[in-house]
Amino acid sequence: MRAAAIAFTLLLLAVPGLGEDVDYYNAGMAAYQRGDYAEAARLLTIGYVYHPENPYTAYNAACSYALAGDEEMALAFLDRAIELGVYLFVDDSDFDSIRGGEGFQRRVEKVGDFLDELNNRDWEPFIFVPEAKPEKGYPVLVALHGYGGSPSGFTQAGVARLFTDRGFLYAVPYGERVQGPDSFAWSGGKDTEETILKLLDELDTGYGIDRDRVYLMGFSQGGAIVLALGLSHPEVFDGVISLAGNWATEWESRIPAGTKIDLRVYLWVGSEDAPERRAVLERAAGFLQDLGVEVRHVETEGVGHALPEDPLPLFAAGLDFVSGSGE
């Protein structure tokens, strides 16, 4: 990593009154969502000072610098993201302005062989089991990470215990597309559908589950996928927690008029997320209600396209709603 370049920039970014209690990652991602890439780079760089081991702070800083036209800083932060295991830059359009440069191409070549090795590994899901098993079997929550993410976002300290303490068998699989040792994406469509349905069969065989209490949760790309899965298989899934997901309006034409779906959906988004995402999720809430789906649509102030700094209250509220335990 070009440590000298980053250190020099940090000196330029020093602003009186800034402190660790500010959520620079969310503030930076909010600036990114509204297209203010120079400000996003500034905030994410400060965020990196406080959280230098967070790969997505470094990666999104690299994206923002590239979009702002600063190739040197983009490559400096990209090197740090590579060190931390994020390789999705290979196909990321945020780097189109520097893609043809020798420096960027060297980094593409650097990660190529390692990606081949990673694709040959078996990536087993994380499974967390409660202490006591109900007579009818475990209720299940399956969580899907976002594009370029990994199960680590849903397996941090306290997250799994939040669900197992409520008696839920909690499973967090890896996306099928490997983009780095800590970076994965979902293929979407039938491939991901088969992945999740197969996982449920394996959980039933290995642990015994309550097929009448199966829930999905997902963030970003995972949030869009869990919505699609819930609507496609309401006979399988009883509730969906979609966190900063998306809603493809073409889905609406695939559902016959007059269809009623027995499902509970918790739709969440940050108030500083992209206006287009917020608008389409508001549309989704109305459409789902017309289908008979029980919907709770929630926005959290001051959060961009990221989970809140402490996501546990959000996870708890989502699960309480879709499972009916909060009533």
Protein backbone atom coordinates (compact mmCIF):
# COMPACT_ATOMS: atom_id res chain seq x y z
CA MET A 1 0.00 0.00 0.00
CA ARG A 2 1.20 3.52 -0.74
CA ALA A 3 1.30 4.44 2.91
CA ALA A 4 3.05 7.76 2.30
CA ALA A 5 0.34 8.93 -0.08
CA ILE A 6 -2.41 7.98 2.37
CA ALA A 7 -0.59 9.57 5.32
CA PHE A 8 -0.14 12.82 3.38
CA THR A 9 -3.83 12.89 2.47
CA LEU A 10 -4.80 12.31 6.10
CA LEU A 11 -2.88 15.44 7.05
CA LEU A 12 -4.84 17.40 4.46
CA LEU A 13 -8.12 15.95 5.73
CA ALA A 14 -7.55 16.84 9.38
CA VAL A 15 -10.52 18.90 10.54
CA PRO A 16 -10.97 20.21 14.09
CA GLY A 17 -13.87 18.63 15.94
CA LEU A 18 -13.91 15.31 14.13
CA GLY A 19 -13.85 12.28 16.34
CA GLU A 20 -14.25 8.54 16.53
CA ASP A 21 -17.89 8.80 17.61
CA VAL A 22 -18.87 9.98 14.11
CA ASP A 23 -20.02 7.21 11.75
CA TYR A 24 -17.77 8.16 8.85
CA TYR A 25 -18.51 5.01 6.89
CA ASN A 26 -22.24 5.69 6.71
CA ALA A 27 -21.63 9.38 6.07
CA GLY A 28 -19.19 8.52 3.30
CA MET A 29 -21.56 6.04 1.69
CA ALA A 30 -24.37 8.61 1.83
CA ALA A 31 -22.13 11.05 -0.06
CA TYR A 32 -21.29 8.29 -2.53
CA GLN A 33 -25.00 7.57 -3.11
CA ARG A 34 -25.71 11.19 -3.95
CA GLY A 35 -22.74 11.37 -6.34
CA ASP A 36 -20.48 13.60 -4.23
CA TYR A 37 -17.42 11.40 -4.72
CA ALA A 38 -14.81 13.84 -3.45
CA GLU A 39 -16.71 14.17 -0.16
CA ALA A 40 -17.23 10.40 -0.02
CA ALA A 41 -13.48 9.88 -0.44
CA ARG A 42 -12.74 12.42 2.30
CA LEU A 43 -15.13 10.86 4.81
CA LEU A 44 -14.18 7.27 4.04
CA THR A 45 -10.50 8.14 4.40
CA ILE A 46 -11.17 9.49 7.88
CA GLY A 47 -13.25 6.39 8.59
CA TYR A 48 -10.27 4.29 7.56
CA VAL A 49 -8.15 5.96 10.26
CA TYR A 50 -10.48 4.61 12.94
CA HIS A 51 -11.19 1.25 11.27
CA PRO A 52 -8.13 0.30 9.18
CA GLU A 53 -9.06 -3.41 9.23
CA ASN A 54 -12.48 -2.89 7.62
CA PRO A 55 -11.98 -3.95 3.98
CA TYR A 56 -15.06 -2.11 2.72
CA THR A 57 -13.98 1.21 4.16
CA ALA A 58 -10.75 0.89 2.16
CA TYR A 59 -12.51 -0.49 -0.91
CA ASN A 60 -15.21 2.17 -1.07
CA ALA A 61 -12.58 4.86 -0.49
CA ALA A 62 -10.76 3.46 -3.53
CA CYS A 63 -13.99 3.55 -5.55
CA SER A 64 -14.69 7.14 -4.50
CA TYR A 65 -11.19 8.35 -5.35
CA ALA A 66 -11.41 6.70 -8.77
CA LEU A 67 -14.76 8.34 -9.44
CA ALA A 68 -13.36 11.67 -8.25
CA GLY A 69 -10.46 11.34 -10.70
CA ASP A 70 -7.63 10.74 -8.21
CA GLU A 71 -5.86 7.66 -9.59
CA GLU A 72 -2.97 7.69 -7.12
CA MET A 73 -5.21 7.59 -4.05
CA ALA A 74 -7.59 5.12 -5.71
CA LEU A 75 -4.71 2.69 -6.24
CA ALA A 76 -3.35 3.28 -2.73
CA PHE A 77 -6.65 2.33 -1.11
CA LEU A 78 -7.19 -0.45 -3.63
CA ASP A 79 -3.91 -2.01 -2.50
CA ARG A 80 -5.17 -1.93 1.08
CA ALA A 81 -8.49 -3.51 0.06
CA ILE A 82 -6.58 -6.28 -1.72
CA GLU A 83 -4.50 -6.87 1.42
CA LEU A 84 -7.78 -7.23 3.33
CA GLY A 85 -9.19 -9.73 0.82
CA VAL A 86 -11.56 -7.77 -1.45
CA TYR A 87 -11.01 -8.40 -5.18
CA LEU A 88 -14.30 -7.34 -6.76
CA PHE A 89 -12.57 -4.34 -8.36
CA VAL A 90 -11.81 -6.52 -11.39
CA ASP A 91 -15.30 -5.94 -12.84
CA ASP A 92 -16.40 -2.86 -10.88
CA SER A 93 -17.40 0.02 -13.18
CA ASP A 94 -16.38 2.52 -10.48
CA PHE A 95 -12.81 1.99 -11.72
CA ASP A 96 -13.53 2.54 -15.41
CA SER A 97 -11.65 5.87 -15.37
CA ILE A 98 -8.40 4.09 -14.41
CA ARG A 99 -9.09 0.63 -15.85
CA GLY A 100 -6.79 1.12 -18.83
CA GLY A 101 -3.86 2.26 -16.73
CA GLU A 102 -0.81 0.10 -16.12
CA GLY A 103 -1.22 0.29 -12.35
CA PHE A 104 -4.79 -1.03 -12.38
CA GLN A 105 -3.95 -3.82 -14.83
CA ARG A 106 -1.05 -4.97 -12.64
CA ARG A 107 -3.46 -5.41 -9.78
CA VAL A 108 -5.91 -7.38 -11.94
CA GLU A 109 -3.10 -9.77 -12.87
CA LYS A 110 -1.99 -10.01 -9.24
CA VAL A 111 -5.30 -11.43 -8.02
CA GLY A 112 -6.13 -13.63 -11.05
CA ASP A 113 -4.37 -16.84 -9.94
CA PHE A 114 -5.56 -16.47 -6.36
CA LEU A 115 -9.19 -16.17 -7.53
CA ASP A 116 -8.82 -19.45 -9.43
CA GLU A 117 -7.61 -21.11 -6.23
CA LEU A 118 -10.46 -19.65 -4.18
CA ASN A 119 -13.05 -20.89 -6.67
CA ASN A 120 -11.87 -24.46 -6.06
CA ARG A 121 -12.50 -24.29 -2.31
CA ASP A 122 -15.62 -25.50 -0.53
CA TRP A 123 -17.32 -22.60 1.25
CA GLU A 124 -19.49 -24.14 3.94
CA PRO A 125 -22.26 -22.01 5.52
CA PHE A 126 -22.04 -20.81 9.10
CA ILE A 127 -24.66 -22.58 11.23
CA PHE A 128 -25.55 -21.57 14.79
CA VAL A 129 -27.71 -23.91 16.87
CA PRO A 130 -29.75 -22.99 19.98
CA GLU A 131 -29.20 -24.96 23.17
CA ALA A 132 -32.74 -26.36 23.35
CA LYS A 133 -34.56 -28.00 20.46
CA PRO A 134 -38.35 -27.58 20.29
CA GLU A 135 -40.45 -30.71 19.85
CA LYS A 136 -41.51 -29.66 16.34
CA GLY A 137 -37.99 -28.70 15.28
CA TYR A 138 -36.05 -25.46 15.09
CA PRO A 139 -37.49 -22.34 13.53
CA VAL A 140 -34.97 -21.16 10.94
CA LEU A 141 -33.49 -17.85 9.84
CA VAL A 142 -31.23 -17.81 6.77
CA ALA A 143 -29.27 -14.58 6.17
CA LEU A 144 -27.83 -13.52 2.79
CA HIS A 145 -25.00 -10.98 2.63
CA GLY A 146 -24.76 -8.22 0.04
CA TYR A 147 -22.82 -8.02 -3.21
CA GLY A 148 -19.10 -8.22 -2.51
CA GLY A 149 -19.75 -9.07 1.14
CA SER A 150 -19.40 -12.27 3.14
CA PRO A 151 -21.08 -14.04 6.06
CA SER A 152 -18.86 -12.04 8.44
CA GLY A 153 -21.31 -9.12 8.37
CA PHE A 154 -24.02 -11.38 9.79
CA THR A 155 -21.83 -13.38 12.16
CA GLN A 156 -20.22 -10.60 14.20
CA ALA A 157 -20.18 -10.79 17.96
CA GLY A 158 -23.67 -10.86 19.37
CA VAL A 159 -25.54 -11.30 16.09
CA ALA A 160 -25.85 -15.09 16.13
CA ARG A 161 -26.66 -15.09 19.84
CA LEU A 162 -29.49 -12.62 19.22
CA PHE A 163 -31.21 -15.27 17.11
CA THR A 164 -30.20 -18.45 18.93
CA ASP A 165 -31.36 -16.94 22.24
CA ARG A 166 -34.78 -16.63 20.57
CA GLY A 167 -34.60 -20.33 19.69
CA PHE A 168 -33.78 -19.92 15.99
CA LEU A 169 -31.42 -22.11 14.03
CA TYR A 170 -29.39 -19.45 12.23
CA ALA A 171 -27.60 -20.12 8.93
CA VAL A 172 -25.42 -17.74 6.91
CA PRO A 173 -24.20 -19.12 3.56
CA TYR A 174 -21.65 -17.73 1.12
CA GLY A 175 -22.69 -16.28 -2.23
CA GLU A 176 -21.95 -18.62 -5.15
CA ARG A 177 -19.62 -16.20 -6.94
CA VAL A 178 -16.20 -15.87 -5.30
CA GLN A 179 -14.63 -12.40 -5.66
CA GLY A 180 -11.96 -12.68 -2.97
CA PRO A 181 -11.28 -14.48 0.31
CA ASP A 182 -13.80 -12.20 2.04
CA SER A 183 -15.83 -11.07 -0.96
CA PHE A 184 -18.72 -12.99 -2.54
CA ALA A 185 -21.81 -12.32 -4.64
CA TRP A 186 -25.02 -14.15 -5.42
CA SER A 187 -25.64 -15.51 -8.89
CA GLY A 188 -29.34 -14.72 -8.54
CA GLY A 189 -32.22 -16.47 -10.30
CA LYS A 190 -32.51 -20.24 -10.25
CA ASP A 191 -28.94 -20.84 -9.05
CA THR A 192 -29.45 -18.96 -5.80
CA GLU A 193 -32.95 -20.36 -5.38
CA GLU A 194 -31.55 -23.89 -5.60
CA THR A 195 -28.73 -23.00 -3.19
CA ILE A 196 -31.14 -21.81 -0.48
CA LEU A 197 -33.72 -24.58 -0.93
CA LYS A 198 -30.94 -27.19 -0.81
CA LEU A 199 -29.59 -25.56 2.37
CA LEU A 200 -33.00 -25.87 4.02
CA ASP A 201 -33.12 -29.59 3.15
CA GLU A 202 -29.64 -30.05 4.64
CA LEU A 203 -30.65 -28.19 7.81
CA ASP A 204 -33.72 -30.39 8.13
CA THR A 205 -31.69 -33.57 7.67
CA GLY A 206 -28.90 -32.49 10.00
CA TYR A 207 -30.81 -30.72 12.76
CA GLY A 208 -34.57 -31.02 12.25
CA ILE A 209 -36.42 -27.81 11.44
CA ASP A 210 -39.96 -26.49 11.76
CA ARG A 211 -41.03 -26.09 8.14
CA ASP A 212 -43.85 -23.79 9.26
CA ARG A 213 -41.37 -21.24 10.66
CA VAL A 214 -38.75 -20.50 8.01
CA TYR A 215 -37.55 -16.91 7.53
CA LEU A 216 -35.12 -15.05 5.30
CA MET A 217 -33.01 -11.96 5.90
CA GLY A 218 -30.73 -10.19 3.43
CA PHE A 219 -28.78 -6.99 2.92
CA SER A 220 -28.46 -5.09 -0.39
CA GLN A 221 -28.20 -7.75 -3.14
CA GLY A 222 -29.20 -10.30 -0.52
CA GLY A 223 -32.15 -8.08 0.41
CA ALA A 224 -33.44 -8.11 -3.15
CA ILE A 225 -32.97 -11.88 -3.43
CA VAL A 226 -34.87 -12.69 -0.24
CA LEU A 227 -37.80 -10.62 -1.49
CA ALA A 228 -37.85 -12.56 -4.76
CA LEU A 229 -37.55 -15.89 -2.94
CA GLY A 230 -40.31 -15.07 -0.49
CA LEU A 231 -42.73 -14.07 -3.23
CA SER A 232 -41.80 -17.07 -5.39
CA HIS A 233 -42.14 -19.58 -2.53
CA PRO A 234 -44.64 -18.38 0.09
CA GLU A 235 -45.32 -22.06 0.75
CA VAL A 236 -41.72 -22.37 1.99
CA PHE A 237 -40.96 -19.01 3.61
CA ASP A 238 -43.11 -17.38 6.28
CA GLY A 239 -41.37 -14.02 6.46
CA VAL A 240 -38.71 -11.87 4.84
CA ILE A 241 -36.46 -9.17 6.30
CA SER A 242 -35.16 -7.10 3.37
CA LEU A 243 -32.45 -4.63 4.44
CA ALA A 244 -31.57 -1.94 1.87
CA GLY A 245 -32.57 -4.35 -0.86
CA ASN A 246 -34.18 -3.48 -4.15
CA TRP A 247 -37.40 -4.08 -6.02
CA ALA A 248 -37.43 -4.97 -9.71
CA THR A 249 -40.66 -3.53 -11.09
CA GLU A 250 -40.79 -6.28 -13.75
CA TRP A 251 -41.56 -8.72 -10.92
CA GLU A 252 -44.98 -7.11 -10.70
CA SER A 253 -46.00 -8.30 -14.17
CA ARG A 254 -45.13 -11.90 -13.30
CA ILE A 255 -47.69 -12.08 -10.49
CA PRO A 256 -51.22 -12.74 -11.82
CA ALA A 257 -53.86 -10.15 -10.99
CA GLY A 258 -55.86 -11.00 -7.91
CA THR A 259 -53.08 -13.11 -6.36
CA LYS A 260 -53.00 -13.13 -2.56
CA ILE A 261 -49.80 -14.09 -0.79
CA ASP A 262 -49.58 -15.13 2.86
CA LEU A 263 -46.26 -13.60 3.87
CA ARG A 264 -44.78 -11.04 6.26
CA VAL A 265 -42.18 -8.60 4.93
CA TYR A 266 -40.03 -6.13 6.86
CA LEU A 267 -38.65 -3.54 4.43
CA TRP A 268 -35.82 -1.39 5.78
CA VAL A 269 -33.66 1.31 4.21
CA GLY A 270 -31.47 4.17 5.41
CA SER A 271 -32.74 7.72 4.89
CA GLU A 272 -29.45 8.64 3.17
CA ASP A 273 -29.53 5.72 0.74
CA ALA A 274 -30.01 6.45 -2.97
CA PRO A 275 -33.33 8.25 -3.62
CA GLU A 276 -34.10 5.72 -6.38
CA ARG A 277 -33.78 2.81 -3.95
CA ARG A 278 -35.94 4.51 -1.33
CA ALA A 279 -38.61 5.32 -3.91
CA VAL A 280 -38.74 1.83 -5.38
CA LEU A 281 -39.00 0.26 -1.92
CA GLU A 282 -41.90 2.56 -1.09
CA ARG A 283 -43.55 1.36 -4.30
CA ALA A 284 -42.80 -2.23 -3.31
CA ALA A 285 -44.50 -1.74 0.07
CA GLY A 286 -47.71 -0.59 -1.63
CA PHE A 287 -47.63 -3.38 -4.20
CA LEU A 288 -47.05 -6.04 -1.54
CA GLN A 289 -49.90 -4.75 0.60
CA ASP A 290 -52.21 -5.09 -2.41
CA LEU A 291 -51.19 -8.76 -2.55
CA GLY A 292 -52.27 -9.24 1.05
CA VAL A 293 -48.71 -9.31 2.35
CA GLU A 294 -48.27 -7.89 5.85
CA VAL A 295 -45.65 -5.17 5.41
CA ARG A 296 -43.69 -2.93 7.73
CA HIS A 297 -41.71 -0.25 5.87
CA VAL A 298 -39.02 1.45 7.99
CA GLU A 299 -36.39 4.13 7.32
CA THR A 300 -33.56 4.91 9.73
CA GLU A 301 -32.36 8.50 9.79
CA GLY A 302 -28.77 9.29 8.91
CA VAL A 303 -27.86 5.90 7.42
CA GLY A 304 -26.68 5.46 3.83
CA HIS A 305 -26.33 2.19 1.92
CA ALA A 306 -25.04 0.31 4.93
CA LEU A 307 -26.36 -1.26 8.08
CA PRO A 308 -26.56 0.91 11.21
CA GLU A 309 -23.39 0.96 13.30
CA ASP A 310 -25.22 -1.20 15.85
CA PRO A 311 -27.49 -3.44 13.75
CA LEU A 312 -28.80 -5.62 16.59
CA PRO A 313 -31.94 -3.55 17.35
CA LEU A 314 -32.79 -3.56 13.63
CA PHE A 315 -32.32 -7.33 13.35
CA ALA A 316 -34.45 -7.88 16.45
CA ALA A 317 -37.24 -5.61 15.20
CA GLY A 318 -37.26 -7.34 11.82
CA LEU A 319 -37.42 -10.82 13.29
CA ASP A 320 -40.07 -9.84 15.84
CA PHE A 321 -42.28 -8.50 13.03
CA VAL A 322 -41.96 -11.34 10.52
CA SER A 323 -42.27 -14.05 13.18
CA GLY A 324 -45.15 -12.32 14.95
CA SER A 325 -43.34 -12.46 18.28
CA GLY A 326 -43.41 -8.69 18.72
CA GLU A 327 -47.18 -8.48 18.78
